[in-house]
């Protein structure tokens, strides 16, 4: 039998604070920039997150948590069947402040 192949990518990572500790309950939002499709999740008790079944394309990752600046990483591409990792370090600050990486 032939095993099914997948064209979808998966993005995983860990959310940490400036001291390297895991941040639990952070809101993680992934936006496909071409189609403006959004997928989201929250980091678990160890700071890890996973967003499966993603179409190949150009993406923007946004991470928010109360007491920290919003972090935005944009302009990265996920390829067919890629298992990508994107770790994020949140900086202390007001929610209205953000850190953008392109």
PDB file of N, CA and C in Angstrom:
ATOM      1  N   UNK A   1       0.830  -1.209   0.000  1.00  0.00           N
ATOM      2  CA  UNK A   1       0.000   0.000   0.000  1.00  0.00           C
ATOM      3  C   UNK A   1       0.865   1.261   0.000  1.00  0.00           C
ATOM      4  N   UNK A   2       0.337   2.286  -0.590  1.00  0.00           N
ATOM      5  CA  UNK A   2       1.027   3.567  -0.678  1.00  0.00           C
ATOM      6  C   UNK A   2       0.575   4.448   0.486  1.00  0.00           C
ATOM      7  N   UNK A   3       1.541   5.021   1.189  1.00  0.00           N
ATOM      8  CA  UNK A   3       1.205   5.921   2.287  1.00  0.00           C
ATOM      9  C   UNK A   3       0.784   7.271   1.740  1.00  0.00           C
ATOM     10  N   UNK A   4      -0.181   7.888   2.390  1.00  0.00           N
ATOM     11  CA  UNK A   4      -0.651   9.197   1.959  1.00  0.00           C
ATOM     12  C   UNK A   4       0.430  10.245   2.220  1.00  0.00           C
ATOM     13  N   UNK A   5       0.606  11.124   1.242  1.00  0.00           N
ATOM     14  CA  UNK A   5       1.550  12.218   1.410  1.00  0.00           C
ATOM     15  C   UNK A   5       0.771  13.476   1.721  1.00  0.00           C
ATOM     16  N   UNK A   6       1.394  14.360   2.484  1.00  0.00           N
ATOM     17  CA  UNK A   6       0.716  15.594   2.843  1.00  0.00           C
ATOM     18  C   UNK A   6       1.437  16.774   2.218  1.00  0.00           C
ATOM     19  N   UNK A   7       0.680  17.737   1.761  1.00  0.00           N
ATOM     20  CA  UNK A   7       1.252  18.959   1.195  1.00  0.00           C
ATOM     21  C   UNK A   7       1.281  20.064   2.244  1.00  0.00           C
ATOM     22  N   UNK A   8       0.718  19.793   3.411  1.00  0.00           N
ATOM     23  CA  UNK A   8       0.586  20.821   4.430  1.00  0.00           C
ATOM     24  C   UNK A   8       1.824  20.920   5.309  1.00  0.00           C
ATOM     25  N   UNK A   9       2.061  22.124   5.807  1.00  0.00           N
ATOM     26  CA  UNK A   9       3.178  22.390   6.717  1.00  0.00           C
ATOM     27  C   UNK A   9       2.670  22.447   8.143  1.00  0.00           C
ATOM     28  N   UNK A  10       3.597  22.377   9.091  1.00  0.00           N
ATOM     29  CA  UNK A  10       3.288  22.517  10.516  1.00  0.00           C
ATOM     30  C   UNK A  10       4.264  23.508  11.116  1.00  0.00           C
ATOM     31  N   UNK A  11       3.760  24.388  11.978  1.00  0.00           N
ATOM     32  CA  UNK A  11       4.611  25.343  12.679  1.00  0.00           C
ATOM     33  C   UNK A  11       4.537  25.053  14.170  1.00  0.00           C
ATOM     34  N   UNK A  12       5.689  24.900  14.798  1.00  0.00           N
ATOM     35  CA  UNK A  12       5.768  24.685  16.238  1.00  0.00           C
ATOM     36  C   UNK A  12       6.788  25.661  16.816  1.00  0.00           C
ATOM     37  N   UNK A  13       6.762  25.791  18.134  1.00  0.00           N
ATOM     38  CA  UNK A  13       7.741  26.639  18.793  1.00  0.00           C
ATOM     39  C   UNK A  13       7.456  26.741  20.273  1.00  0.00           C
ATOM     40  N   UNK A  14       8.250  27.557  20.934  1.00  0.00           N
ATOM     41  CA  UNK A  14       8.070  27.805  22.360  1.00  0.00           C
ATOM     42  C   UNK A  14       8.090  29.307  22.594  1.00  0.00           C
ATOM     43  N   UNK A  15       7.241  29.738  23.506  1.00  0.00           N
ATOM     44  CA  UNK A  15       7.162  31.146  23.885  1.00  0.00           C
ATOM     45  C   UNK A  15       7.867  31.294  25.235  1.00  0.00           C
ATOM     46  N   UNK A  16       8.840  32.213  25.295  1.00  0.00           N
ATOM     47  CA  UNK A  16       9.595  32.448  26.526  1.00  0.00           C
ATOM     48  C   UNK A  16       9.573  33.931  26.862  1.00  0.00           C
ATOM     49  N   UNK A  17       9.858  34.233  28.132  1.00  0.00           N
ATOM     50  CA  UNK A  17      10.049  35.624  28.522  1.00  0.00           C
ATOM     51  C   UNK A  17      11.540  35.953  28.420  1.00  0.00           C
ATOM     52  N   UNK A  18      11.911  37.187  28.750  1.00  0.00           N
ATOM     53  CA  UNK A  18      13.294  37.633  28.626  1.00  0.00           C
ATOM     54  C   UNK A  18      14.286  36.863  29.467  1.00  0.00           C
ATOM     55  N   UNK A  19      13.821  36.225  30.536  1.00  0.00           N
ATOM     56  CA  UNK A  19      14.718  35.446  31.392  1.00  0.00           C
ATOM     57  C   UNK A  19      14.802  33.979  30.956  1.00  0.00           C
ATOM     58  N   UNK A  20      14.076  33.625  29.889  1.00  0.00           N
ATOM     59  CA  UNK A  20      14.131  32.262  29.370  1.00  0.00           C
ATOM     60  C   UNK A  20      13.071  31.326  29.911  1.00  0.00           C
ATOM     61  N   UNK A  21      12.192  31.831  30.775  1.00  0.00           N
ATOM     62  CA  UNK A  21      11.127  30.993  31.330  1.00  0.00           C
ATOM     63  C   UNK A  21       9.971  30.859  30.333  1.00  0.00           C
ATOM     64  N   UNK A  22       9.337  29.697  30.315  1.00  0.00           N
ATOM     65  CA  UNK A  22       8.202  29.444  29.430  1.00  0.00           C
ATOM     66  C   UNK A  22       7.028  30.339  29.800  1.00  0.00           C
ATOM     67  N   UNK A  23       6.318  30.822  28.775  1.00  0.00           N
ATOM     68  CA  UNK A  23       5.128  31.647  28.976  1.00  0.00           C
ATOM     69  C   UNK A  23       3.915  30.804  28.601  1.00  0.00           C
ATOM     70  N   UNK A  24       3.093  30.496  29.581  1.00  0.00           N
ATOM     71  CA  UNK A  24       1.885  29.701  29.391  1.00  0.00           C
ATOM     72  C   UNK A  24       0.701  30.613  29.089  1.00  0.00           C
ATOM     73  N   UNK A  25      -0.159  30.206  28.167  1.00  0.00           N
ATOM     74  CA  UNK A  25      -1.388  30.943  27.879  1.00  0.00           C
ATOM     75  C   UNK A  25      -1.234  32.117  26.935  1.00  0.00           C
ATOM     76  N   UNK A  26      -0.098  32.233  26.249  1.00  0.00           N
ATOM     77  CA  UNK A  26       0.082  33.312  25.272  1.00  0.00           C
ATOM     78  C   UNK A  26      -0.786  33.028  24.042  1.00  0.00           C
ATOM     79  N   UNK A  27      -1.365  34.074  23.479  1.00  0.00           N
ATOM     80  CA  UNK A  27      -2.156  33.947  22.266  1.00  0.00           C
ATOM     81  C   UNK A  27      -1.223  33.952  21.066  1.00  0.00           C
ATOM     82  N   UNK A  28      -1.304  32.898  20.258  1.00  0.00           N
ATOM     83  CA  UNK A  28      -0.457  32.747  19.075  1.00  0.00           C
ATOM     84  C   UNK A  28      -1.367  32.782  17.853  1.00  0.00           C
ATOM     85  N   UNK A  29      -1.113  33.741  16.950  1.00  0.00           N
ATOM     86  CA  UNK A  29      -1.935  33.886  15.747  1.00  0.00           C
ATOM     87  C   UNK A  29      -1.017  33.829  14.529  1.00  0.00           C
ATOM     88  N   UNK A  30      -1.371  33.005  13.548  1.00  0.00           N
ATOM     89  CA  UNK A  30      -0.607  32.872  12.318  1.00  0.00           C
ATOM     90  C   UNK A  30      -1.486  33.334  11.164  1.00  0.00           C
ATOM     91  N   UNK A  31      -0.968  34.252  10.344  1.00  0.00           N
ATOM     92  CA  UNK A  31      -1.743  34.822   9.244  1.00  0.00           C
ATOM     93  C   UNK A  31      -1.052  34.512   7.924  1.00  0.00           C
ATOM     94  N   UNK A  32      -1.797  33.879   7.001  1.00  0.00           N
ATOM     95  CA  UNK A  32      -1.313  33.675   5.639  1.00  0.00           C
ATOM     96  C   UNK A  32      -1.459  35.024   4.943  1.00  0.00           C
ATOM     97  N   UNK A  33      -0.324  35.657   4.596  1.00  0.00           N
ATOM     98  CA  UNK A  33      -0.355  37.025   4.079  1.00  0.00           C
ATOM     99  C   UNK A  33      -1.015  37.140   2.707  1.00  0.00           C
ATOM    100  N   UNK A  34      -0.939  36.119   1.871  1.00  0.00           N
ATOM    101  CA  UNK A  34      -1.532  36.179   0.533  1.00  0.00           C
ATOM    102  C   UNK A  34      -3.047  36.057   0.579  1.00  0.00           C
ATOM    103  N   UNK A  35      -3.559  35.181   1.444  1.00  0.00           N
ATOM    104  CA  UNK A  35      -4.994  34.912   1.496  1.00  0.00           C
ATOM    105  C   UNK A  35      -5.677  35.541   2.706  1.00  0.00           C
ATOM    106  N   UNK A  36      -4.891  36.126   3.614  1.00  0.00           N
ATOM    107  CA  UNK A  36      -5.394  36.723   4.854  1.00  0.00           C
ATOM    108  C   UNK A  36      -6.182  35.712   5.691  1.00  0.00           C
ATOM    109  N   UNK A  37      -5.755  34.437   5.644  1.00  0.00           N
ATOM    110  CA  UNK A  37      -6.360  33.389   6.465  1.00  0.00           C
ATOM    111  C   UNK A  37      -5.634  33.346   7.801  1.00  0.00           C
ATOM    112  N   UNK A  38      -6.395  33.239   8.897  1.00  0.00           N
ATOM    113  CA  UNK A  38      -5.800  33.232  10.229  1.00  0.00           C
ATOM    114  C   UNK A  38      -6.045  31.907  10.927  1.00  0.00           C
ATOM    115  N   UNK A  39      -5.023  31.447  11.646  1.00  0.00           N
ATOM    116  CA  UNK A  39      -5.130  30.267  12.503  1.00  0.00           C
ATOM    117  C   UNK A  39      -4.554  30.666  13.835  1.00  0.00           C
ATOM    118  N   UNK A  40      -5.100  30.146  14.899  1.00  0.00           N
ATOM    119  CA  UNK A  40      -4.597  30.529  16.203  1.00  0.00           C
ATOM    120  C   UNK A  40      -4.617  29.405  17.212  1.00  0.00           C
ATOM    121  N   UNK A  41      -3.854  29.619  18.280  1.00  0.00           N
ATOM    122  CA  UNK A  41      -3.781  28.681  19.383  1.00  0.00           C
ATOM    123  C   UNK A  41      -3.237  29.432  20.591  1.00  0.00           C
ATOM    124  N   UNK A  42      -3.034  28.718  21.682  1.00  0.00           N
ATOM    125  CA  UNK A  42      -2.391  29.272  22.874  1.00  0.00           C
ATOM    126  C   UNK A  42      -1.216  28.389  23.248  1.00  0.00           C
ATOM    127  N   UNK A  43      -0.212  29.014  23.858  1.00  0.00           N
ATOM    128  CA  UNK A  43       0.916  28.216  24.349  1.00  0.00           C
ATOM    129  C   UNK A  43       0.458  27.412  25.563  1.00  0.00           C
ATOM    130  N   UNK A  44       0.968  26.188  25.682  1.00  0.00           N
ATOM    131  CA  UNK A  44       0.563  25.323  26.798  1.00  0.00           C
ATOM    132  C   UNK A  44       1.385  25.634  28.052  1.00  0.00           C
ATOM    133  N   UNK A  45       1.266  24.791  29.063  1.00  0.00           N
ATOM    134  CA  UNK A  45       1.927  25.047  30.352  1.00  0.00           C
ATOM    135  C   UNK A  45       3.452  25.044  30.263  1.00  0.00           C
ATOM    136  N   UNK A  46       4.011  24.458  29.209  1.00  0.00           N
ATOM    137  CA  UNK A  46       5.463  24.481  29.018  1.00  0.00           C
ATOM    138  C   UNK A  46       5.887  25.518  27.976  1.00  0.00           C
ATOM    139  N   UNK A  47       4.935  26.360  27.544  1.00  0.00           N
ATOM    140  CA  UNK A  47       5.230  27.420  26.581  1.00  0.00           C
ATOM    141  C   UNK A  47       5.200  26.991  25.132  1.00  0.00           C
ATOM    142  N   UNK A  48       4.927  25.716  24.878  1.00  0.00           N
ATOM    143  CA  UNK A  48       4.925  25.194  23.508  1.00  0.00           C
ATOM    144  C   UNK A  48       3.605  25.448  22.791  1.00  0.00           C
ATOM    145  N   UNK A  49       3.695  25.596  21.475  1.00  0.00           N
ATOM    146  CA  UNK A  49       2.498  25.701  20.637  1.00  0.00           C
ATOM    147  C   UNK A  49       2.734  24.915  19.349  1.00  0.00           C
ATOM    148  N   UNK A  50       1.651  24.490  18.727  1.00  0.00           N
ATOM    149  CA  UNK A  50       1.708  23.798  17.437  1.00  0.00           C
ATOM    150  C   UNK A  50       0.510  24.239  16.607  1.00  0.00           C
ATOM    151  N   UNK A  51       0.777  24.586  15.350  1.00  0.00           N
ATOM    152  CA  UNK A  51      -0.296  24.903  14.412  1.00  0.00           C
ATOM    153  C   UNK A  51      -0.092  23.997  13.194  1.00  0.00           C
ATOM    154  N   UNK A  52      -0.920  22.940  13.069  1.00  0.00           N
ATOM    155  CA  UNK A  52      -0.767  21.976  11.979  1.00  0.00           C
ATOM    156  C   UNK A  52      -1.596  22.335  10.743  1.00  0.00           C
ATOM    157  N   UNK A  53      -1.410  21.558   9.688  1.00  0.00           N
ATOM    158  CA  UNK A  53      -2.234  21.611   8.472  1.00  0.00           C
ATOM    159  C   UNK A  53      -2.253  22.995   7.830  1.00  0.00           C
ATOM    160  N   UNK A  54      -1.075  23.548   7.587  1.00  0.00           N
ATOM    161  CA  UNK A  54      -0.955  24.873   6.989  1.00  0.00           C
ATOM    162  C   UNK A  54      -0.630  24.766   5.503  1.00  0.00           C
ATOM    163  N   UNK A  55      -1.285  25.593   4.720  1.00  0.00           N
ATOM    164  CA  UNK A  55      -0.984  25.644   3.295  1.00  0.00           C
ATOM    165  C   UNK A  55       0.381  26.293   3.094  1.00  0.00           C
ATOM    166  N   UNK A  56       1.139  25.857   2.096  1.00  0.00           N
ATOM    167  CA  UNK A  56       2.399  26.525   1.806  1.00  0.00           C
ATOM    168  C   UNK A  56       2.131  27.993   1.462  1.00  0.00           C
ATOM    169  N   UNK A  57       3.050  28.860   1.847  1.00  0.00           N
ATOM    170  CA  UNK A  57       2.879  30.278   1.544  1.00  0.00           C
ATOM    171  C   UNK A  57       3.650  31.168   2.499  1.00  0.00           C
ATOM    172  N   UNK A  58       3.425  32.461   2.345  1.00  0.00           N
ATOM    173  CA  UNK A  58       4.094  33.497   3.139  1.00  0.00           C
ATOM    174  C   UNK A  58       3.221  33.818   4.346  1.00  0.00           C
ATOM    175  N   UNK A  59       3.851  33.882   5.542  1.00  0.00           N
ATOM    176  CA  UNK A  59       3.101  34.022   6.787  1.00  0.00           C
ATOM    177  C   UNK A  59       3.625  35.138   7.686  1.00  0.00           C
ATOM    178  N   UNK A  60       2.763  35.515   8.626  1.00  0.00           N
ATOM    179  CA  UNK A  60       3.103  36.451   9.715  1.00  0.00           C
ATOM    180  C   UNK A  60       2.658  35.802  11.018  1.00  0.00           C
ATOM    181  N   UNK A  61       3.547  35.784  12.014  1.00  0.00           N
ATOM    182  CA  UNK A  61       3.254  35.214  13.329  1.00  0.00           C
ATOM    183  C   UNK A  61       3.116  36.349  14.340  1.00  0.00           C
ATOM    184  N   UNK A  62       2.005  36.350  15.090  1.00  0.00           N
ATOM    185  CA  UNK A  62       1.762  37.362  16.122  1.00  0.00           C
ATOM    186  C   UNK A  62       1.562  36.656  17.452  1.00  0.00           C
ATOM    187  N   UNK A  63       2.272  37.129  18.491  1.00  0.00           N
ATOM    188  CA  UNK A  63       2.171  36.527  19.816  1.00  0.00           C
ATOM    189  C   UNK A  63       1.867  37.630  20.820  1.00  0.00           C
ATOM    190  N   UNK A  64       0.814  37.414  21.644  1.00  0.00           N
ATOM    191  CA  UNK A  64       0.405  38.402  22.640  1.00  0.00           C
ATOM    192  C   UNK A  64       0.188  37.744  23.999  1.00  0.00           C
ATOM    193  N   UNK A  65       0.537  38.485  25.045  1.00  0.00           N
ATOM    194  CA  UNK A  65       0.304  38.045  26.421  1.00  0.00           C
ATOM    195  C   UNK A  65       0.273  39.292  27.292  1.00  0.00           C
ATOM    196  N   UNK A  66      -0.679  39.338  28.229  1.00  0.00           N
ATOM    197  CA  UNK A  66      -0.787  40.476  29.133  1.00  0.00           C
ATOM    198  C   UNK A  66       0.533  40.699  29.863  1.00  0.00           C
ATOM    199  N   UNK A  67       0.961  41.962  29.945  1.00  0.00           N
ATOM    200  CA  UNK A  67       2.197  42.305  30.627  1.00  0.00           C
ATOM    201  C   UNK A  67       3.422  42.274  29.739  1.00  0.00           C
ATOM    202  N   UNK A  68       3.235  41.872  28.460  1.00  0.00           N
ATOM    203  CA  UNK A  68       4.338  41.799  27.511  1.00  0.00           C
ATOM    204  C   UNK A  68       3.999  42.596  26.258  1.00  0.00           C
ATOM    205  N   UNK A  69       5.045  43.035  25.540  1.00  0.00           N
ATOM    206  CA  UNK A  69       4.851  43.680  24.251  1.00  0.00           C
ATOM    207  C   UNK A  69       4.415  42.620  23.240  1.00  0.00           C
ATOM    208  N   UNK A  70       3.552  43.005  22.326  1.00  0.00           N
ATOM    209  CA  UNK A  70       3.140  42.111  21.242  1.00  0.00           C
ATOM    210  C   UNK A  70       4.351  41.867  20.346  1.00  0.00           C
ATOM    211  N   UNK A  71       4.569  40.623  19.951  1.00  0.00           N
ATOM    212  CA  UNK A  71       5.668  40.268  19.067  1.00  0.00           C
ATOM    213  C   UNK A  71       5.106  39.871  17.707  1.00  0.00           C
ATOM    214  N   UNK A  72       5.676  40.443  16.643  1.00  0.00           N
ATOM    215  CA  UNK A  72       5.230  40.154  15.279  1.00  0.00           C
ATOM    216  C   UNK A  72       6.445  39.757  14.454  1.00  0.00           C
ATOM    217  N   UNK A  73       6.381  38.582  13.843  1.00  0.00           N
ATOM    218  CA  UNK A  73       7.436  38.105  12.945  1.00  0.00           C
ATOM    219  C   UNK A  73       6.779  37.914  11.590  1.00  0.00           C
ATOM    220  N   UNK A  74       7.217  38.683  10.598  1.00  0.00           N
ATOM    221  CA  UNK A  74       6.541  38.631   9.302  1.00  0.00           C
ATOM    222  C   UNK A  74       7.503  38.282   8.179  1.00  0.00           C
ATOM    223  N   UNK A  75       6.908  37.905   7.064  1.00  0.00           N
ATOM    224  CA  UNK A  75       7.669  37.674   5.852  1.00  0.00           C
ATOM    225  C   UNK A  75       8.395  36.352   5.761  1.00  0.00           C
ATOM    226  N   UNK A  76       7.964  35.329   6.495  1.00  0.00           N
ATOM    227  CA  UNK A  76       8.608  34.021   6.355  1.00  0.00           C
ATOM    228  C   UNK A  76       7.700  33.094   5.558  1.00  0.00           C
ATOM    229  N   UNK A  77       8.320  32.120   4.905  1.00  0.00           N
ATOM    230  CA  UNK A  77       7.599  31.218   4.013  1.00  0.00           C
ATOM    231  C   UNK A  77       7.617  29.797   4.556  1.00  0.00           C
ATOM    232  N   UNK A  78       6.459  29.151   4.506  1.00  0.00           N
ATOM    233  CA  UNK A  78       6.349  27.731   4.830  1.00  0.00           C
ATOM    234  C   UNK A  78       6.229  26.963   3.526  1.00  0.00           C
ATOM    235  N   UNK A  79       7.022  25.903   3.403  1.00  0.00           N
ATOM    236  CA  UNK A  79       7.067  25.096   2.190  1.00  0.00           C
ATOM    237  C   UNK A  79       6.192  23.844   2.336  1.00  0.00           C
ATOM    238  N   UNK A  80       6.008  23.139   1.246  1.00  0.00           N
ATOM    239  CA  UNK A  80       5.231  21.898   1.219  1.00  0.00           C
ATOM    240  C   UNK A  80       5.828  20.896   2.201  1.00  0.00           C
ATOM    241  N   UNK A  81       5.001  20.354   3.078  1.00  0.00           N
ATOM    242  CA  UNK A  81       5.359  19.318   4.058  1.00  0.00           C
ATOM    243  C   UNK A  81       6.459  19.736   5.032  1.00  0.00           C
ATOM    244  N   UNK A  82       6.678  21.024   5.190  1.00  0.00           N
ATOM    245  CA  UNK A  82       7.722  21.513   6.096  1.00  0.00           C
ATOM    246  C   UNK A  82       7.286  21.411   7.556  1.00  0.00           C
ATOM    247  N   UNK A  83       8.203  21.016   8.411  1.00  0.00           N
ATOM    248  CA  UNK A  83       8.003  21.019   9.857  1.00  0.00           C
ATOM    249  C   UNK A  83       8.845  22.170  10.394  1.00  0.00           C
ATOM    250  N   UNK A  84       8.282  23.365  10.450  1.00  0.00           N
ATOM    251  CA  UNK A  84       9.036  24.568  10.810  1.00  0.00           C
ATOM    252  C   UNK A  84       8.948  24.846  12.308  1.00  0.00           C
ATOM    253  N   UNK A  85       9.978  25.526  12.809  1.00  0.00           N
ATOM    254  CA  UNK A  85      10.016  25.904  14.222  1.00  0.00           C
ATOM    255  C   UNK A  85      10.275  27.402  14.311  1.00  0.00           C
ATOM    256  N   UNK A  86       9.449  28.086  15.123  1.00  0.00           N
ATOM    257  CA  UNK A  86       9.593  29.521  15.323  1.00  0.00           C
ATOM    258  C   UNK A  86       9.427  29.796  16.818  1.00  0.00           C
ATOM    259  N   UNK A  87      10.562  29.950  17.524  1.00  0.00           N
ATOM    260  CA  UNK A  87      10.536  30.285  18.942  1.00  0.00           C
ATOM    261  C   UNK A  87      10.451  31.800  19.083  1.00  0.00           C
ATOM    262  N   UNK A  88       9.741  32.261  20.129  1.00  0.00           N
ATOM    263  CA  UNK A  88       9.532  33.690  20.334  1.00  0.00           C
ATOM    264  C   UNK A  88       9.884  34.044  21.773  1.00  0.00           C
ATOM    265  N   UNK A  89      10.627  35.133  21.936  1.00  0.00           N
ATOM    266  CA  UNK A  89      10.921  35.669  23.264  1.00  0.00           C
ATOM    267  C   UNK A  89      10.149  36.972  23.420  1.00  0.00           C
ATOM    268  N   UNK A  90       9.260  37.018  24.417  1.00  0.00           N
ATOM    269  CA  UNK A  90       8.459  38.210  24.674  1.00  0.00           C
ATOM    270  C   UNK A  90       9.217  39.159  25.596  1.00  0.00           C
ATOM    271  N   UNK A  91       9.082  40.454  25.309  1.00  0.00           N
ATOM    272  CA  UNK A  91       9.689  41.481  26.141  1.00  0.00           C
ATOM    273  C   UNK A  91       8.629  42.083  27.056  1.00  0.00           C
ATOM    274  N   UNK A  92       9.032  42.394  28.286  1.00  0.00           N
ATOM    275  CA  UNK A  92       8.116  43.050  29.213  1.00  0.00           C
ATOM    276  C   UNK A  92       7.699  44.398  28.650  1.00  0.00           C
ATOM    277  N   UNK A  93       6.453  44.775  28.880  1.00  0.00           N
ATOM    278  CA  UNK A  93       5.960  46.063  28.404  1.00  0.00           C
ATOM    279  C   UNK A  93       4.457  46.101  28.386  1.00  0.00           C
ATOM    280  N   UNK A  94       3.947  47.200  27.907  1.00  0.00           N
ATOM    281  CA  UNK A  94       2.510  47.380  27.797  1.00  0.00           C
ATOM    282  C   UNK A  94       1.992  46.630  26.572  1.00  0.00           C
ATOM    283  N   UNK A  95       0.742  46.214  26.632  1.00  0.00           N
ATOM    284  CA  UNK A  95       0.132  45.491  25.521  1.00  0.00           C
ATOM    285  C   UNK A  95       0.094  46.360  24.269  1.00  0.00           C
ATOM    286  N   UNK A  96       0.018  47.690  24.433  1.00  0.00           N
ATOM    287  CA  UNK A  96      -0.053  48.596  23.284  1.00  0.00           C
ATOM    288  C   UNK A  96       1.271  48.707  22.541  1.00  0.00           C
ATOM    289  N   UNK A  97       2.380  48.234  23.155  1.00  0.00           N
ATOM    290  CA  UNK A  97       3.676  48.258  22.501  1.00  0.00           C
ATOM    291  C   UNK A  97       3.862  46.951  21.733  1.00  0.00           C
ATOM    292  N   UNK A  98       4.639  46.995  20.655  1.00  0.00           N
ATOM    293  CA  UNK A  98       4.896  45.776  19.906  1.00  0.00           C
ATOM    294  C   UNK A  98       6.326  45.747  19.404  1.00  0.00           C
ATOM    295  N   UNK A  99       6.821  44.557  19.170  1.00  0.00           N
ATOM    296  CA  UNK A  99       8.139  44.330  18.583  1.00  0.00           C
ATOM    297  C   UNK A  99       7.912  43.619  17.276  1.00  0.00           C
ATOM    298  N   UNK A 100       8.409  44.204  16.163  1.00  0.00           N
ATOM    299  CA  UNK A 100       8.215  43.607  14.835  1.00  0.00           C
ATOM    300  C   UNK A 100       9.548  43.165  14.274  1.00  0.00           C
ATOM    301  N   UNK A 101       9.564  41.953  13.718  1.00  0.00           N
ATOM    302  CA  UNK A 101      10.751  41.400  13.076  1.00  0.00           C
ATOM    303  C   UNK A 101      10.363  41.034  11.652  1.00  0.00           C
ATOM    304  N   UNK A 102      11.122  41.522  10.676  1.00  0.00           N
ATOM    305  CA  UNK A 102      10.841  41.171   9.277  1.00  0.00           C
ATOM    306  C   UNK A 102      12.052  40.511   8.660  1.00  0.00           C
TER     307      UNK A 102
END
